[in-house]
Amino acid sequence: MQQSAQFWDNAAAKYAKSKIGDPEAYETTLARTRSYLKAEDQVLELGAGTGTTALHLAASVARYTVSDGSKAMIDIAREKAWDAGATNLDFSVCDITGAPQGPFDVVLAFNLLHLVEDLNGALSSIQQLVKPGGLFISKSLCEPEEGASWKFRILRMAIPLMQMLGKAPYVAFRRMEDFEQQIRESGFEILETGNYPAKPPSRFVVARRL
């Protein structure tokens, strides 16, 4: 976990300057997420990075906790929130297992779970953070259900070498069916799914804690 935090600390400044890869998919993700948020909700975002998504969504809820394992990411998120005049944000440097104690009405994890080796352990921790009847909303890179593009295949082959050089974090490529089954087995009912973007599929899942 320390190595992962160090990787993202080193990447934070560059990450903060990078543009959204697929703006249409990102806006769809935000819109679908907002449709589930309520003005009185207490929300936790795990793996929030530099807080871009938090700043888009925080106005829809009562309180929004921005968390990430990288202190450098959270430092940038604080600055962005200050510049934006956002007043209902809290910040926490932590991984999933060390997240602030809830329970929360909604827990968010965007572009995070494919970076986690122990998915079952992570989902078990997340389940404890969500109120009974509350929501877990996530988006995670998954294996294409049909033929992968040549760019995706090259990326998959390149990642192990990039990891050896310290240029890439751990990445899991899970089948969407398996990913969703693990969410169900962790005590959730899946309410909605979608791929934003479709290629390679970034699986959007809305699940209710049972």
C-alpha atoms as a PDB file:
ATOM      1  CA  MET A   1       0.000   0.000   0.000  1.00  0.00           C
ATOM      2  CA  GLN A   2       2.908   2.324   0.789  1.00  0.00           C
ATOM      3  CA  GLN A   3       4.355   1.730  -2.690  1.00  0.00           C
ATOM      4  CA  SER A   4       0.981   2.549  -4.246  1.00  0.00           C
ATOM      5  CA  ALA A   5       0.705   5.786  -2.263  1.00  0.00           C
ATOM      6  CA  GLN A   6       4.218   6.762  -3.301  1.00  0.00           C
ATOM      7  CA  PHE A   7       3.409   6.097  -6.957  1.00  0.00           C
ATOM      8  CA  TRP A   8       0.362   8.382  -6.819  1.00  0.00           C
ATOM      9  CA  ASP A   9       2.226  11.025  -4.792  1.00  0.00           C
ATOM     10  CA  ASN A  10       4.788  11.170  -7.595  1.00  0.00           C
ATOM     11  CA  ALA A  11       2.062  11.281 -10.255  1.00  0.00           C
ATOM     12  CA  ALA A  12      -0.178  13.856  -8.553  1.00  0.00           C
ATOM     13  CA  ALA A  13       1.056  17.052 -10.210  1.00  0.00           C
ATOM     14  CA  LYS A  14       0.899  15.564 -13.708  1.00  0.00           C
ATOM     15  CA  TYR A  15      -2.436  13.903 -12.963  1.00  0.00           C
ATOM     16  CA  ALA A  16      -3.927  17.221 -11.845  1.00  0.00           C
ATOM     17  CA  LYS A  17      -3.037  18.807 -15.203  1.00  0.00           C
ATOM     18  CA  SER A  18      -4.337  15.946 -17.361  1.00  0.00           C
ATOM     19  CA  LYS A  19      -7.570  16.339 -19.302  1.00  0.00           C
ATOM     20  CA  ILE A  20     -10.595  14.052 -19.021  1.00  0.00           C
ATOM     21  CA  GLY A  21     -10.007  11.259 -21.539  1.00  0.00           C
ATOM     22  CA  ASP A  22     -13.635  10.902 -22.623  1.00  0.00           C
ATOM     23  CA  PRO A  23     -15.674  13.998 -21.620  1.00  0.00           C
ATOM     24  CA  GLU A  24     -18.970  12.530 -22.826  1.00  0.00           C
ATOM     25  CA  ALA A  25     -18.535   9.374 -20.742  1.00  0.00           C
ATOM     26  CA  TYR A  26     -17.494  11.460 -17.754  1.00  0.00           C
ATOM     27  CA  GLU A  27     -20.542  13.718 -17.998  1.00  0.00           C
ATOM     28  CA  THR A  28     -22.789  10.667 -18.279  1.00  0.00           C
ATOM     29  CA  THR A  29     -21.199   9.227 -15.143  1.00  0.00           C
ATOM     30  CA  LEU A  30     -21.772  12.482 -13.266  1.00  0.00           C
ATOM     31  CA  ALA A  31     -25.381  12.729 -14.437  1.00  0.00           C
ATOM     32  CA  ARG A  32     -26.257   9.158 -13.496  1.00  0.00           C
ATOM     33  CA  THR A  33     -24.588   9.603 -10.103  1.00  0.00           C
ATOM     34  CA  ARG A  34     -26.384  12.882  -9.382  1.00  0.00           C
ATOM     35  CA  SER A  35     -29.712  11.215 -10.071  1.00  0.00           C
ATOM     36  CA  TYR A  36     -29.196   9.104  -6.936  1.00  0.00           C
ATOM     37  CA  LEU A  37     -27.939  11.848  -4.628  1.00  0.00           C
ATOM     38  CA  LYS A  38     -30.149  13.699  -2.130  1.00  0.00           C
ATOM     39  CA  ALA A  39     -29.664  17.114  -0.545  1.00  0.00           C
ATOM     40  CA  GLU A  40     -29.390  15.580   2.944  1.00  0.00           C
ATOM     41  CA  ASP A  41     -26.867  12.870   2.012  1.00  0.00           C
ATOM     42  CA  GLN A  42     -23.532  12.291   3.720  1.00  0.00           C
ATOM     43  CA  VAL A  43     -21.180  11.081   0.963  1.00  0.00           C
ATOM     44  CA  LEU A  44     -17.719   9.494   0.981  1.00  0.00           C
ATOM     45  CA  GLU A  45     -15.613   9.289  -2.167  1.00  0.00           C
ATOM     46  CA  LEU A  46     -12.791   6.736  -2.072  1.00  0.00           C
ATOM     47  CA  GLY A  47      -9.787   7.195  -4.347  1.00  0.00           C
ATOM     48  CA  ALA A  48     -10.932  10.730  -5.110  1.00  0.00           C
ATOM     49  CA  GLY A  49      -7.607  11.833  -6.588  1.00  0.00           C
ATOM     50  CA  THR A  50      -7.332  15.598  -6.940  1.00  0.00           C
ATOM     51  CA  GLY A  51     -11.024  16.176  -6.244  1.00  0.00           C
ATOM     52  CA  THR A  52     -12.402  17.023  -9.686  1.00  0.00           C
ATOM     53  CA  THR A  53     -15.418  14.734  -9.352  1.00  0.00           C
ATOM     54  CA  ALA A  54     -15.985  15.860  -5.761  1.00  0.00           C
ATOM     55  CA  LEU A  55     -16.272  19.484  -6.875  1.00  0.00           C
ATOM     56  CA  HIS A  56     -18.827  18.500  -9.505  1.00  0.00           C
ATOM     57  CA  LEU A  57     -20.991  16.505  -7.085  1.00  0.00           C
ATOM     58  CA  ALA A  58     -20.623  18.165  -3.677  1.00  0.00           C
ATOM     59  CA  ALA A  59     -23.268  20.810  -4.339  1.00  0.00           C
ATOM     60  CA  SER A  60     -25.881  18.039  -4.606  1.00  0.00           C
ATOM     61  CA  VAL A  61     -25.391  16.767  -1.020  1.00  0.00           C
ATOM     62  CA  ALA A  62     -25.092  17.969   2.576  1.00  0.00           C
ATOM     63  CA  ARG A  63     -21.537  16.796   3.286  1.00  0.00           C
ATOM     64  CA  TYR A  64     -18.918  15.242   1.014  1.00  0.00           C
ATOM     65  CA  THR A  65     -15.748  13.543   2.296  1.00  0.00           C
ATOM     66  CA  VAL A  66     -12.878  13.449  -0.200  1.00  0.00           C
ATOM     67  CA  SER A  67     -10.443  10.604   0.509  1.00  0.00           C
ATOM     68  CA  ASP A  68      -7.380   9.206  -1.222  1.00  0.00           C
ATOM     69  CA  GLY A  69      -4.324   7.201  -0.241  1.00  0.00           C
ATOM     70  CA  SER A  70      -2.034   9.872  -1.693  1.00  0.00           C
ATOM     71  CA  LYS A  71      -1.345  12.932   0.453  1.00  0.00           C
ATOM     72  CA  ALA A  72      -0.162  14.841  -2.626  1.00  0.00           C
ATOM     73  CA  MET A  73      -3.505  14.192  -4.331  1.00  0.00           C
ATOM     74  CA  ILE A  74      -5.445  15.384  -1.290  1.00  0.00           C
ATOM     75  CA  ASP A  75      -3.280  18.490  -0.965  1.00  0.00           C
ATOM     76  CA  ILE A  76      -4.187  19.450  -4.524  1.00  0.00           C
ATOM     77  CA  ALA A  77      -7.858  18.632  -3.875  1.00  0.00           C
ATOM     78  CA  ARG A  78      -7.846  20.987  -0.867  1.00  0.00           C
ATOM     79  CA  GLU A  79      -6.408  23.794  -2.981  1.00  0.00           C
ATOM     80  CA  LYS A  80      -8.995  23.271  -5.707  1.00  0.00           C
ATOM     81  CA  ALA A  81     -11.823  23.280  -3.177  1.00  0.00           C
ATOM     82  CA  TRP A  82     -10.492  26.488  -1.624  1.00  0.00           C
ATOM     83  CA  ASP A  83     -10.237  28.148  -5.030  1.00  0.00           C
ATOM     84  CA  ALA A  84     -13.791  27.041  -5.885  1.00  0.00           C
ATOM     85  CA  GLY A  85     -15.189  28.285  -2.585  1.00  0.00           C
ATOM     86  CA  ALA A  86     -16.614  24.851  -1.756  1.00  0.00           C
ATOM     87  CA  THR A  87     -17.565  24.734   1.923  1.00  0.00           C
ATOM     88  CA  ASN A  88     -19.146  21.300   2.478  1.00  0.00           C
ATOM     89  CA  LEU A  89     -16.042  19.189   1.796  1.00  0.00           C
ATOM     90  CA  ASP A  90     -13.944  17.217   4.288  1.00  0.00           C
ATOM     91  CA  PHE A  91     -10.611  15.611   3.383  1.00  0.00           C
ATOM     92  CA  SER A  92      -8.887  12.421   4.483  1.00  0.00           C
ATOM     93  CA  VAL A  93      -5.609  10.751   3.483  1.00  0.00           C
ATOM     94  CA  CYS A  94      -6.411   7.039   3.699  1.00  0.00           C
ATOM     95  CA  ASP A  95      -6.884   3.813   1.811  1.00  0.00           C
ATOM     96  CA  ILE A  96     -10.178   1.918   1.761  1.00  0.00           C
ATOM     97  CA  THR A  97      -9.534   0.042   5.006  1.00  0.00           C
ATOM     98  CA  GLY A  98      -8.605   3.251   6.826  1.00  0.00           C
ATOM     99  CA  ALA A  99     -11.508   5.347   5.548  1.00  0.00           C
ATOM    100  CA  PRO A 100     -13.426   7.615   7.955  1.00  0.00           C
ATOM    101  CA  GLN A 101     -16.031   5.715   9.916  1.00  0.00           C
ATOM    102  CA  GLY A 102     -19.506   6.136   8.554  1.00  0.00           C
ATOM    103  CA  PRO A 103     -21.906   4.944   7.967  1.00  0.00           C
ATOM    104  CA  PHE A 104     -22.516   7.081   4.885  1.00  0.00           C
ATOM    105  CA  ASP A 105     -25.633   7.432   2.771  1.00  0.00           C
ATOM    106  CA  VAL A 106     -23.528   7.012  -0.383  1.00  0.00           C
ATOM    107  CA  VAL A 107     -20.005   5.726  -0.960  1.00  0.00           C
ATOM    108  CA  LEU A 108     -18.381   6.437  -4.325  1.00  0.00           C
ATOM    109  CA  ALA A 109     -15.371   4.726  -5.923  1.00  0.00           C
ATOM    110  CA  PHE A 110     -14.595   5.849  -9.456  1.00  0.00           C
ATOM    111  CA  ASN A 111     -11.652   4.383 -11.387  1.00  0.00           C
ATOM    112  CA  LEU A 112     -10.396   2.741  -8.196  1.00  0.00           C
ATOM    113  CA  LEU A 113     -11.361  -0.911  -7.838  1.00  0.00           C
ATOM    114  CA  HIS A 114      -9.356  -2.136 -10.838  1.00  0.00           C
ATOM    115  CA  LEU A 115      -6.305  -0.801  -8.964  1.00  0.00           C
ATOM    116  CA  VAL A 116      -7.075  -2.995  -5.928  1.00  0.00           C
ATOM    117  CA  GLU A 117      -5.567  -6.476  -5.593  1.00  0.00           C
ATOM    118  CA  ASP A 118      -7.878  -7.763  -2.837  1.00  0.00           C
ATOM    119  CA  LEU A 119     -11.251  -6.845  -4.286  1.00  0.00           C
ATOM    120  CA  ASN A 120     -13.247  -8.986  -1.862  1.00  0.00           C
ATOM    121  CA  GLY A 121     -11.504  -7.362   1.092  1.00  0.00           C
ATOM    122  CA  ALA A 122     -12.075  -3.898  -0.334  1.00  0.00           C
ATOM    123  CA  LEU A 123     -15.770  -4.569  -0.962  1.00  0.00           C
ATOM    124  CA  SER A 124     -16.194  -5.958   2.554  1.00  0.00           C
ATOM    125  CA  SER A 125     -14.730  -2.740   3.981  1.00  0.00           C
ATOM    126  CA  ILE A 126     -16.927  -0.613   1.703  1.00  0.00           C
ATOM    127  CA  GLN A 127     -20.033  -2.530   2.751  1.00  0.00           C
ATOM    128  CA  GLN A 128     -19.352  -1.520   6.354  1.00  0.00           C
ATOM    129  CA  LEU A 129     -19.074   2.132   5.340  1.00  0.00           C
ATOM    130  CA  VAL A 130     -22.540   2.229   3.730  1.00  0.00           C
ATOM    131  CA  LYS A 131     -25.717   2.586   5.759  1.00  0.00           C
ATOM    132  CA  PRO A 132     -28.187  -0.302   5.426  1.00  0.00           C
ATOM    133  CA  GLY A 133     -30.238   0.699   2.420  1.00  0.00           C
ATOM    134  CA  GLY A 134     -27.559   3.167   1.349  1.00  0.00           C
ATOM    135  CA  LEU A 135     -25.781   3.202  -1.988  1.00  0.00           C
ATOM    136  CA  PHE A 136     -22.406   2.198  -3.334  1.00  0.00           C
ATOM    137  CA  ILE A 137     -21.681   3.743  -6.763  1.00  0.00           C
ATOM    138  CA  SER A 138     -18.554   2.747  -8.643  1.00  0.00           C
ATOM    139  CA  LYS A 139     -16.917   2.735 -12.038  1.00  0.00           C
ATOM    140  CA  SER A 140     -14.103   0.358 -12.900  1.00  0.00           C
ATOM    141  CA  LEU A 141     -12.132  -0.712 -15.962  1.00  0.00           C
ATOM    142  CA  CYS A 142     -13.109  -4.233 -17.049  1.00  0.00           C
ATOM    143  CA  GLU A 143     -12.258  -6.766 -19.731  1.00  0.00           C
ATOM    144  CA  PRO A 144     -14.005  -6.194 -23.080  1.00  0.00           C
ATOM    145  CA  GLU A 145     -16.811  -8.729 -23.522  1.00  0.00           C
ATOM    146  CA  GLU A 146     -15.975  -9.029 -27.207  1.00  0.00           C
ATOM    147  CA  GLY A 147     -12.740  -8.610 -29.123  1.00  0.00           C
ATOM    148  CA  ALA A 148     -10.368  -6.107 -27.560  1.00  0.00           C
ATOM    149  CA  SER A 149      -8.901  -3.347 -29.716  1.00  0.00           C
ATOM    150  CA  TRP A 150      -5.245  -3.520 -30.680  1.00  0.00           C
ATOM    151  CA  LYS A 151      -4.549  -0.496 -28.469  1.00  0.00           C
ATOM    152  CA  PHE A 152      -6.041  -2.307 -25.473  1.00  0.00           C
ATOM    153  CA  ARG A 153      -4.040  -5.460 -26.206  1.00  0.00           C
ATOM    154  CA  ILE A 154      -0.802  -3.465 -26.488  1.00  0.00           C
ATOM    155  CA  LEU A 155      -1.580  -1.686 -23.209  1.00  0.00           C
ATOM    156  CA  ARG A 156      -2.114  -4.995 -21.426  1.00  0.00           C
ATOM    157  CA  MET A 157       1.226  -6.300 -22.689  1.00  0.00           C
ATOM    158  CA  ALA A 158       3.024  -3.087 -21.766  1.00  0.00           C
ATOM    159  CA  ILE A 159       1.720  -2.732 -18.203  1.00  0.00           C
ATOM    160  CA  PRO A 160       3.974  -5.408 -16.590  1.00  0.00           C
ATOM    161  CA  LEU A 161       7.075  -3.711 -18.006  1.00  0.00           C
ATOM    162  CA  MET A 162       5.811  -0.281 -16.947  1.00  0.00           C
ATOM    163  CA  GLN A 163       5.195  -1.630 -13.450  1.00  0.00           C
ATOM    164  CA  MET A 164       8.765  -2.953 -13.260  1.00  0.00           C
ATOM    165  CA  LEU A 165      10.001   0.540 -14.137  1.00  0.00           C
ATOM    166  CA  GLY A 166       7.705   2.197 -11.612  1.00  0.00           C
ATOM    167  CA  LYS A 167       5.668   3.810 -14.378  1.00  0.00           C
ATOM    168  CA  ALA A 168       2.350   2.049 -13.709  1.00  0.00           C
ATOM    169  CA  PRO A 169       0.398   0.888 -10.627  1.00  0.00           C
ATOM    170  CA  TYR A 170      -1.164  -2.524 -10.094  1.00  0.00           C
ATOM    171  CA  VAL A 171      -4.052  -3.026 -12.548  1.00  0.00           C
ATOM    172  CA  ALA A 172      -6.576  -5.883 -12.578  1.00  0.00           C
ATOM    173  CA  PHE A 173      -8.548  -6.740 -15.720  1.00  0.00           C
ATOM    174  CA  ARG A 174     -11.730  -8.418 -14.480  1.00  0.00           C
ATOM    175  CA  ARG A 175     -14.709  -9.697 -16.413  1.00  0.00           C
ATOM    176  CA  MET A 176     -17.788  -7.524 -15.865  1.00  0.00           C
ATOM    177  CA  GLU A 177     -19.846 -10.552 -14.851  1.00  0.00           C
ATOM    178  CA  ASP A 178     -17.289 -11.553 -12.211  1.00  0.00           C
ATOM    179  CA  PHE A 179     -16.920  -7.975 -10.957  1.00  0.00           C
ATOM    180  CA  GLU A 180     -20.660  -7.581 -10.459  1.00  0.00           C
ATOM    181  CA  GLN A 181     -20.958 -10.993  -8.796  1.00  0.00           C
ATOM    182  CA  GLN A 182     -18.328 -10.007  -6.241  1.00  0.00           C
ATOM    183  CA  ILE A 183     -20.304  -6.840  -5.477  1.00  0.00           C
ATOM    184  CA  ARG A 184     -23.463  -8.914  -4.917  1.00  0.00           C
ATOM    185  CA  GLU A 185     -21.644 -11.406  -2.717  1.00  0.00           C
ATOM    186  CA  SER A 186     -20.425  -8.516  -0.563  1.00  0.00           C
ATOM    187  CA  GLY A 187     -23.985  -7.699   0.499  1.00  0.00           C
ATOM    188  CA  PHE A 188     -25.304  -5.423  -2.238  1.00  0.00           C
ATOM    189  CA  GLU A 189     -28.206  -5.450  -4.685  1.00  0.00           C
ATOM    190  CA  ILE A 190     -27.260  -4.016  -8.081  1.00  0.00           C
ATOM    191  CA  LEU A 191     -29.733  -1.384  -9.276  1.00  0.00           C
ATOM    192  CA  GLU A 192     -28.111  -0.058 -12.439  1.00  0.00           C
ATOM    193  CA  THR A 193     -25.145  -0.720 -14.704  1.00  0.00           C
ATOM    194  CA  GLY A 194     -23.633   0.896 -17.779  1.00  0.00           C
ATOM    195  CA  ASN A 195     -20.369   1.309 -19.668  1.00  0.00           C
ATOM    196  CA  TYR A 196     -19.013   4.866 -19.745  1.00  0.00           C
ATOM    197  CA  PRO A 197     -17.076   4.646 -22.020  1.00  0.00           C
ATOM    198  CA  ALA A 198     -17.990   1.449 -23.818  1.00  0.00           C
ATOM    199  CA  LYS A 199     -14.522   0.703 -25.230  1.00  0.00           C
ATOM    200  CA  PRO A 200     -12.632  -0.382 -23.281  1.00  0.00           C
ATOM    201  CA  PRO A 201     -15.552  -0.849 -20.905  1.00  0.00           C
ATOM    202  CA  SER A 202     -15.505   1.244 -17.739  1.00  0.00           C
ATOM    203  CA  ARG A 203     -18.295  -0.449 -15.803  1.00  0.00           C
ATOM    204  CA  PHE A 204     -20.601   1.871 -13.902  1.00  0.00           C
ATOM    205  CA  VAL A 205     -22.478   0.118 -11.083  1.00  0.00           C
ATOM    206  CA  VAL A 206     -25.073   1.430  -8.646  1.00  0.00           C
ATOM    207  CA  ALA A 207     -25.682  -0.978  -5.760  1.00  0.00           C
ATOM    208  CA  ARG A 208     -27.806  -0.814  -2.605  1.00  0.00           C
ATOM    209  CA  ARG A 209     -26.582  -2.285   0.669  1.00  0.00           C
ATOM    210  CA  LEU A 210     -28.923  -5.023   1.816  1.00  0.00           C
END
